[in-house]
């Protein structure tokens, strides 16, 4: 049965790719590390957006709204 580690090993074997050969990354693990950081960097703004949408829906559900004519010119 394939495991996560074996799956990652398969992915790493398919590298190095242009990033390693162009010396942007020192090794295959550097490419993987950069991918993890990029994933984490995307999650924070998305969590903030999700929270904002949740608050807006909650405000609407609780009648905390104004008519568009009062808000827009």
PDB file of N, CA and C in Angstrom:
ATOM      1  N   UNK A   1       0.851  -1.178   0.000  1.00  0.00           N
ATOM      2  CA  UNK A   1       0.000   0.000   0.000  1.00  0.00           C
ATOM      3  C   UNK A   1       0.894   1.237   0.000  1.00  0.00           C
ATOM      4  N   UNK A   2       0.628   2.209  -0.901  1.00  0.00           N
ATOM      5  CA  UNK A   2       1.458   3.414  -0.948  1.00  0.00           C
ATOM      6  C   UNK A   2       1.258   4.275   0.292  1.00  0.00           C
ATOM      7  N   UNK A   3       2.327   4.838   0.745  1.00  0.00           N
ATOM      8  CA  UNK A   3       2.262   5.749   1.883  1.00  0.00           C
ATOM      9  C   UNK A   3       2.609   7.150   1.412  1.00  0.00           C
ATOM     10  N   UNK A   4       2.389   8.108   2.288  1.00  0.00           N
ATOM     11  CA  UNK A   4       2.707   9.489   1.956  1.00  0.00           C
ATOM     12  C   UNK A   4       4.201   9.644   1.667  1.00  0.00           C
ATOM     13  N   UNK A   5       5.019   8.975   2.465  1.00  0.00           N
ATOM     14  CA  UNK A   5       6.470   9.080   2.273  1.00  0.00           C
ATOM     15  C   UNK A   5       6.862   8.526   0.917  1.00  0.00           C
ATOM     16  N   UNK A   6       6.297   7.376   0.556  1.00  0.00           N
ATOM     17  CA  UNK A   6       6.613   6.804  -0.756  1.00  0.00           C
ATOM     18  C   UNK A   6       6.122   7.702  -1.880  1.00  0.00           C
ATOM     19  N   UNK A   7       4.968   8.321  -1.690  1.00  0.00           N
ATOM     20  CA  UNK A   7       4.450   9.233  -2.704  1.00  0.00           C
ATOM     21  C   UNK A   7       5.371  10.435  -2.870  1.00  0.00           C
ATOM     22  N   UNK A   8       5.850  10.976  -1.748  1.00  0.00           N
ATOM     23  CA  UNK A   8       6.773  12.110  -1.820  1.00  0.00           C
ATOM     24  C   UNK A   8       8.087  11.713  -2.482  1.00  0.00           C
ATOM     25  N   UNK A   9       8.545  10.503  -2.180  1.00  0.00           N
ATOM     26  CA  UNK A   9       9.782  10.032  -2.809  1.00  0.00           C
ATOM     27  C   UNK A   9       9.613   9.957  -4.317  1.00  0.00           C
ATOM     28  N   UNK A  10       8.448   9.521  -4.771  1.00  0.00           N
ATOM     29  CA  UNK A  10       8.186   9.452  -6.211  1.00  0.00           C
ATOM     30  C   UNK A  10       8.212  10.839  -6.830  1.00  0.00           C
ATOM     31  N   UNK A  11       7.614  11.794  -6.144  1.00  0.00           N
ATOM     32  CA  UNK A  11       7.609  13.171  -6.645  1.00  0.00           C
ATOM     33  C   UNK A  11       9.029  13.710  -6.699  1.00  0.00           C
ATOM     34  N   UNK A  12       9.780  13.492  -5.639  1.00  0.00           N
ATOM     35  CA  UNK A  12      11.153  14.000  -5.604  1.00  0.00           C
ATOM     36  C   UNK A  12      12.016  13.363  -6.686  1.00  0.00           C
ATOM     37  N   UNK A  13      11.772  12.102  -7.001  1.00  0.00           N
ATOM     38  CA  UNK A  13      12.537  11.449  -8.058  1.00  0.00           C
ATOM     39  C   UNK A  13      12.273  12.094  -9.413  1.00  0.00           C
ATOM     40  N   UNK A  14      11.070  12.610  -9.592  1.00  0.00           N
ATOM     41  CA  UNK A  14      10.732  13.220 -10.873  1.00  0.00           C
ATOM     42  C   UNK A  14      11.391  14.593 -11.035  1.00  0.00           C
ATOM     43  N   UNK A  15      11.901  15.150  -9.969  1.00  0.00           N
ATOM     44  CA  UNK A  15      12.630  16.409 -10.032  1.00  0.00           C
ATOM     45  C   UNK A  15      14.031  16.111 -10.538  1.00  0.00           C
ATOM     46  N   UNK A  16      14.946  16.881 -10.792  1.00  0.00           N
ATOM     47  CA  UNK A  16      15.143  18.176 -10.209  1.00  0.00           C
ATOM     48  C   UNK A  16      14.389  19.284 -10.900  1.00  0.00           C
ATOM     49  N   UNK A  17      14.203  19.227 -12.177  1.00  0.00           N
ATOM     50  CA  UNK A  17      13.503  20.299 -12.847  1.00  0.00           C
ATOM     51  C   UNK A  17      14.373  21.529 -12.993  1.00  0.00           C
ATOM     52  N   UNK A  18      13.806  22.563 -13.601  1.00  0.00           N
ATOM     53  CA  UNK A  18      14.606  23.745 -13.918  1.00  0.00           C
ATOM     54  C   UNK A  18      15.099  24.510 -12.693  1.00  0.00           C
ATOM     55  N   UNK A  19      14.358  24.478 -11.584  1.00  0.00           N
ATOM     56  CA  UNK A  19      14.776  25.230 -10.398  1.00  0.00           C
ATOM     57  C   UNK A  19      16.089  24.745  -9.829  1.00  0.00           C
ATOM     58  N   UNK A  20      16.269  23.437  -9.795  1.00  0.00           N
ATOM     59  CA  UNK A  20      17.508  22.890  -9.240  1.00  0.00           C
ATOM     60  C   UNK A  20      18.634  23.013 -10.252  1.00  0.00           C
ATOM     61  N   UNK A  21      18.341  22.708 -11.516  1.00  0.00           N
ATOM     62  CA  UNK A  21      19.405  22.766 -12.515  1.00  0.00           C
ATOM     63  C   UNK A  21      19.878  24.195 -12.760  1.00  0.00           C
ATOM     64  N   UNK A  22      19.007  25.184 -12.559  1.00  0.00           N
ATOM     65  CA  UNK A  22      19.402  26.581 -12.731  1.00  0.00           C
ATOM     66  C   UNK A  22      20.012  27.145 -11.447  1.00  0.00           C
ATOM     67  N   UNK A  23      20.157  26.320 -10.439  1.00  0.00           N
ATOM     68  CA  UNK A  23      20.765  26.697  -9.151  1.00  0.00           C
ATOM     69  C   UNK A  23      19.907  27.648  -8.337  1.00  0.00           C
ATOM     70  N   UNK A  24      18.606  27.702  -8.622  1.00  0.00           N
ATOM     71  CA  UNK A  24      17.732  28.507  -7.777  1.00  0.00           C
ATOM     72  C   UNK A  24      17.578  27.827  -6.424  1.00  0.00           C
ATOM     73  N   UNK A  25      17.556  26.509  -6.440  1.00  0.00           N
ATOM     74  CA  UNK A  25      17.465  25.715  -5.212  1.00  0.00           C
ATOM     75  C   UNK A  25      18.696  24.830  -5.137  1.00  0.00           C
ATOM     76  N   UNK A  26      19.150  24.577  -3.912  1.00  0.00           N
ATOM     77  CA  UNK A  26      20.350  23.775  -3.743  1.00  0.00           C
ATOM     78  C   UNK A  26      20.115  22.285  -3.886  1.00  0.00           C
ATOM     79  N   UNK A  27      18.884  21.855  -3.705  1.00  0.00           N
ATOM     80  CA  UNK A  27      18.611  20.420  -3.754  1.00  0.00           C
ATOM     81  C   UNK A  27      17.124  20.201  -4.024  1.00  0.00           C
ATOM     82  N   UNK A  28      16.787  18.949  -4.201  1.00  0.00           N
ATOM     83  CA  UNK A  28      15.381  18.589  -4.387  1.00  0.00           C
ATOM     84  C   UNK A  28      14.561  18.941  -3.150  1.00  0.00           C
ATOM     85  N   UNK A  29      15.138  18.778  -1.969  1.00  0.00           N
ATOM     86  CA  UNK A  29      14.397  19.114  -0.751  1.00  0.00           C
ATOM     87  C   UNK A  29      14.154  20.616  -0.656  1.00  0.00           C
ATOM     88  N   UNK A  30      15.026  21.423  -1.238  1.00  0.00           N
ATOM     89  CA  UNK A  30      14.811  22.863  -1.276  1.00  0.00           C
ATOM     90  C   UNK A  30      13.584  23.226  -2.098  1.00  0.00           C
ATOM     91  N   UNK A  31      13.377  22.500  -3.182  1.00  0.00           N
ATOM     92  CA  UNK A  31      12.194  22.711  -4.012  1.00  0.00           C
ATOM     93  C   UNK A  31      10.941  22.365  -3.214  1.00  0.00           C
ATOM     94  N   UNK A  32      10.985  21.235  -2.521  1.00  0.00           N
ATOM     95  CA  UNK A  32       9.849  20.792  -1.716  1.00  0.00           C
ATOM     96  C   UNK A  32       9.577  21.780  -0.582  1.00  0.00           C
ATOM     97  N   UNK A  33      10.626  22.242   0.075  1.00  0.00           N
ATOM     98  CA  UNK A  33      10.485  23.205   1.168  1.00  0.00           C
ATOM     99  C   UNK A  33       9.826  24.494   0.675  1.00  0.00           C
ATOM    100  N   UNK A  34      10.242  24.979  -0.501  1.00  0.00           N
ATOM    101  CA  UNK A  34       9.640  26.179  -1.077  1.00  0.00           C
ATOM    102  C   UNK A  34       8.157  25.951  -1.365  1.00  0.00           C
ATOM    103  N   UNK A  35       7.809  24.776  -1.846  1.00  0.00           N
ATOM    104  CA  UNK A  35       6.409  24.461  -2.100  1.00  0.00           C
ATOM    105  C   UNK A  35       5.569  24.486  -0.838  1.00  0.00           C
ATOM    106  N   UNK A  36       6.123  23.974   0.244  1.00  0.00           N
ATOM    107  CA  UNK A  36       5.405  23.987   1.523  1.00  0.00           C
ATOM    108  C   UNK A  36       5.200  25.422   1.989  1.00  0.00           C
ATOM    109  N   UNK A  37       6.234  26.256   1.900  1.00  0.00           N
ATOM    110  CA  UNK A  37       6.107  27.648   2.313  1.00  0.00           C
ATOM    111  C   UNK A  37       5.071  28.394   1.474  1.00  0.00           C
ATOM    112  N   UNK A  38       5.061  28.137   0.168  1.00  0.00           N
ATOM    113  CA  UNK A  38       4.077  28.794  -0.692  1.00  0.00           C
ATOM    114  C   UNK A  38       2.662  28.392  -0.309  1.00  0.00           C
ATOM    115  N   UNK A  39       2.480  27.129   0.029  1.00  0.00           N
ATOM    116  CA  UNK A  39       1.164  26.645   0.452  1.00  0.00           C
ATOM    117  C   UNK A  39       0.735  27.323   1.744  1.00  0.00           C
ATOM    118  N   UNK A  40       1.632  27.408   2.702  1.00  0.00           N
ATOM    119  CA  UNK A  40       1.313  28.048   3.977  1.00  0.00           C
ATOM    120  C   UNK A  40       1.018  29.533   3.799  1.00  0.00           C
ATOM    121  N   UNK A  41       1.764  30.197   2.927  1.00  0.00           N
ATOM    122  CA  UNK A  41       1.547  31.626   2.682  1.00  0.00           C
ATOM    123  C   UNK A  41       0.174  31.899   2.090  1.00  0.00           C
ATOM    124  N   UNK A  42      -0.363  30.960   1.336  1.00  0.00           N
ATOM    125  CA  UNK A  42      -1.682  31.147   0.722  1.00  0.00           C
ATOM    126  C   UNK A  42      -2.803  30.901   1.712  1.00  0.00           C
ATOM    127  N   UNK A  43      -2.572  30.058   2.708  1.00  0.00           N
ATOM    128  CA  UNK A  43      -3.643  29.702   3.639  1.00  0.00           C
ATOM    129  C   UNK A  43      -4.030  30.853   4.553  1.00  0.00           C
ATOM    130  N   UNK A  44      -3.081  31.673   4.969  1.00  0.00           N
ATOM    131  CA  UNK A  44      -3.377  32.764   5.899  1.00  0.00           C
ATOM    132  C   UNK A  44      -4.347  33.787   5.308  1.00  0.00           C
ATOM    133  N   UNK A  45      -4.089  34.307   4.098  1.00  0.00           N
ATOM    134  CA  UNK A  45      -5.062  35.256   3.539  1.00  0.00           C
ATOM    135  C   UNK A  45      -6.426  34.611   3.286  1.00  0.00           C
ATOM    136  N   UNK A  46      -6.443  33.348   2.906  1.00  0.00           N
ATOM    137  CA  UNK A  46      -7.720  32.682   2.674  1.00  0.00           C
ATOM    138  C   UNK A  46      -8.508  32.531   3.964  1.00  0.00           C
ATOM    139  N   UNK A  47      -7.836  32.240   5.060  1.00  0.00           N
ATOM    140  CA  UNK A  47      -8.520  32.134   6.354  1.00  0.00           C
ATOM    141  C   UNK A  47      -9.091  33.490   6.765  1.00  0.00           C
ATOM    142  N   UNK A  48      -8.354  34.559   6.497  1.00  0.00           N
ATOM    143  CA  UNK A  48      -8.836  35.905   6.801  1.00  0.00           C
ATOM    144  C   UNK A  48     -10.064  36.241   5.961  1.00  0.00           C
ATOM    145  N   UNK A  49     -10.023  35.898   4.688  1.00  0.00           N
ATOM    146  CA  UNK A  49     -11.168  36.128   3.807  1.00  0.00           C
ATOM    147  C   UNK A  49     -12.380  35.330   4.263  1.00  0.00           C
ATOM    148  N   UNK A  50     -12.164  34.058   4.612  1.00  0.00           N
ATOM    149  CA  UNK A  50     -13.263  33.220   5.110  1.00  0.00           C
ATOM    150  C   UNK A  50     -13.920  33.831   6.342  1.00  0.00           C
ATOM    151  N   UNK A  51     -13.114  34.331   7.265  1.00  0.00           N
ATOM    152  CA  UNK A  51     -13.645  34.930   8.493  1.00  0.00           C
ATOM    153  C   UNK A  51     -14.456  36.185   8.168  1.00  0.00           C
ATOM    154  N   UNK A  52     -13.975  36.981   7.217  1.00  0.00           N
ATOM    155  CA  UNK A  52     -14.682  38.197   6.825  1.00  0.00           C
ATOM    156  C   UNK A  52     -16.026  37.863   6.184  1.00  0.00           C
ATOM    157  N   UNK A  53     -16.043  36.877   5.330  1.00  0.00           N
ATOM    158  CA  UNK A  53     -17.296  36.456   4.695  1.00  0.00           C
ATOM    159  C   UNK A  53     -18.264  35.931   5.749  1.00  0.00           C
ATOM    160  N   UNK A  54     -17.759  35.142   6.688  1.00  0.00           N
ATOM    161  CA  UNK A  54     -18.607  34.597   7.752  1.00  0.00           C
ATOM    162  C   UNK A  54     -19.246  35.732   8.557  1.00  0.00           C
ATOM    163  N   UNK A  55     -18.451  36.762   8.913  1.00  0.00           N
ATOM    164  CA  UNK A  55     -18.988  37.891   9.669  1.00  0.00           C
ATOM    165  C   UNK A  55     -20.052  38.634   8.864  1.00  0.00           C
ATOM    166  N   UNK A  56     -19.822  38.798   7.567  1.00  0.00           N
ATOM    167  CA  UNK A  56     -20.791  39.496   6.716  1.00  0.00           C
ATOM    168  C   UNK A  56     -22.110  38.738   6.629  1.00  0.00           C
ATOM    169  N   UNK A  57     -22.030  37.429   6.477  1.00  0.00           N
ATOM    170  CA  UNK A  57     -23.243  36.613   6.423  1.00  0.00           C
ATOM    171  C   UNK A  57     -23.972  36.682   7.754  1.00  0.00           C
ATOM    172  N   UNK A  58     -23.217  36.635   8.840  1.00  0.00           N
ATOM    173  CA  UNK A  58     -23.805  36.731  10.177  1.00  0.00           C
ATOM    174  C   UNK A  58     -24.510  38.078  10.355  1.00  0.00           C
ATOM    175  N   UNK A  59     -23.875  39.165   9.917  1.00  0.00           N
ATOM    176  CA  UNK A  59     -24.496  40.492  10.000  1.00  0.00           C
ATOM    177  C   UNK A  59     -25.804  40.529   9.211  1.00  0.00           C
ATOM    178  N   UNK A  60     -25.801  39.985   8.020  1.00  0.00           N
ATOM    179  CA  UNK A  60     -27.002  39.963   7.186  1.00  0.00           C
ATOM    180  C   UNK A  60     -28.101  39.145   7.844  1.00  0.00           C
ATOM    181  N   UNK A  61     -27.748  37.982   8.367  1.00  0.00           N
ATOM    182  CA  UNK A  61     -28.727  37.118   9.033  1.00  0.00           C
ATOM    183  C   UNK A  61     -29.352  37.800  10.250  1.00  0.00           C
ATOM    184  N   UNK A  62     -28.593  38.662  10.911  1.00  0.00           N
ATOM    185  CA  UNK A  62     -29.073  39.329  12.119  1.00  0.00           C
ATOM    186  C   UNK A  62     -29.622  40.729  11.855  1.00  0.00           C
ATOM    187  N   UNK A  63     -29.818  41.060  10.579  1.00  0.00           N
ATOM    188  CA  UNK A  63     -30.436  42.336  10.233  1.00  0.00           C
ATOM    189  C   UNK A  63     -29.538  43.546  10.372  1.00  0.00           C
ATOM    190  N   UNK A  64     -28.250  43.344  10.486  1.00  0.00           N
ATOM    191  CA  UNK A  64     -27.321  44.468  10.603  1.00  0.00           C
ATOM    192  C   UNK A  64     -26.884  44.907   9.203  1.00  0.00           C
ATOM    193  N   UNK A  65     -27.836  45.494   8.476  1.00  0.00           N
ATOM    194  CA  UNK A  65     -27.574  45.955   7.115  1.00  0.00           C
ATOM    195  C   UNK A  65     -28.174  47.334   6.926  1.00  0.00           C
ATOM    196  N   UNK A  66     -27.803  47.989   5.829  1.00  0.00           N
ATOM    197  CA  UNK A  66     -28.365  49.288   5.459  1.00  0.00           C
ATOM    198  C   UNK A  66     -28.816  49.181   4.010  1.00  0.00           C
ATOM    199  N   UNK A  67     -29.839  49.913   3.638  1.00  0.00           N
ATOM    200  CA  UNK A  67     -30.243  49.929   2.235  1.00  0.00           C
ATOM    201  C   UNK A  67     -29.120  50.487   1.361  1.00  0.00           C
ATOM    202  N   UNK A  68     -29.034  49.998   0.133  1.00  0.00           N
ATOM    203  CA  UNK A  68     -27.967  50.421  -0.772  1.00  0.00           C
ATOM    204  C   UNK A  68     -27.993  51.923  -1.008  1.00  0.00           C
ATOM    205  N   UNK A  69     -29.174  52.528  -1.016  1.00  0.00           N
ATOM    206  CA  UNK A  69     -29.290  53.964  -1.229  1.00  0.00           C
ATOM    207  C   UNK A  69     -28.601  54.782  -0.164  1.00  0.00           C
ATOM    208  N   UNK A  70     -28.502  54.255   1.047  1.00  0.00           N
ATOM    209  CA  UNK A  70     -27.810  54.956   2.129  1.00  0.00           C
ATOM    210  C   UNK A  70     -26.304  54.793   2.048  1.00  0.00           C
ATOM    211  N   UNK A  71     -25.875  53.744   1.407  1.00  0.00           N
ATOM    212  CA  UNK A  71     -24.437  53.448   1.372  1.00  0.00           C
ATOM    213  C   UNK A  71     -23.777  53.990   0.118  1.00  0.00           C
ATOM    214  N   UNK A  72     -24.439  53.832  -1.029  1.00  0.00           N
ATOM    215  CA  UNK A  72     -23.872  54.258  -2.302  1.00  0.00           C
ATOM    216  C   UNK A  72     -24.478  55.572  -2.752  1.00  0.00           C
ATOM    217  N   UNK A  73     -23.670  56.410  -3.403  1.00  0.00           N
ATOM    218  CA  UNK A  73     -24.167  57.696  -3.922  1.00  0.00           C
ATOM    219  C   UNK A  73     -24.908  57.489  -5.217  1.00  0.00           C
TER     220      UNK A  73
END
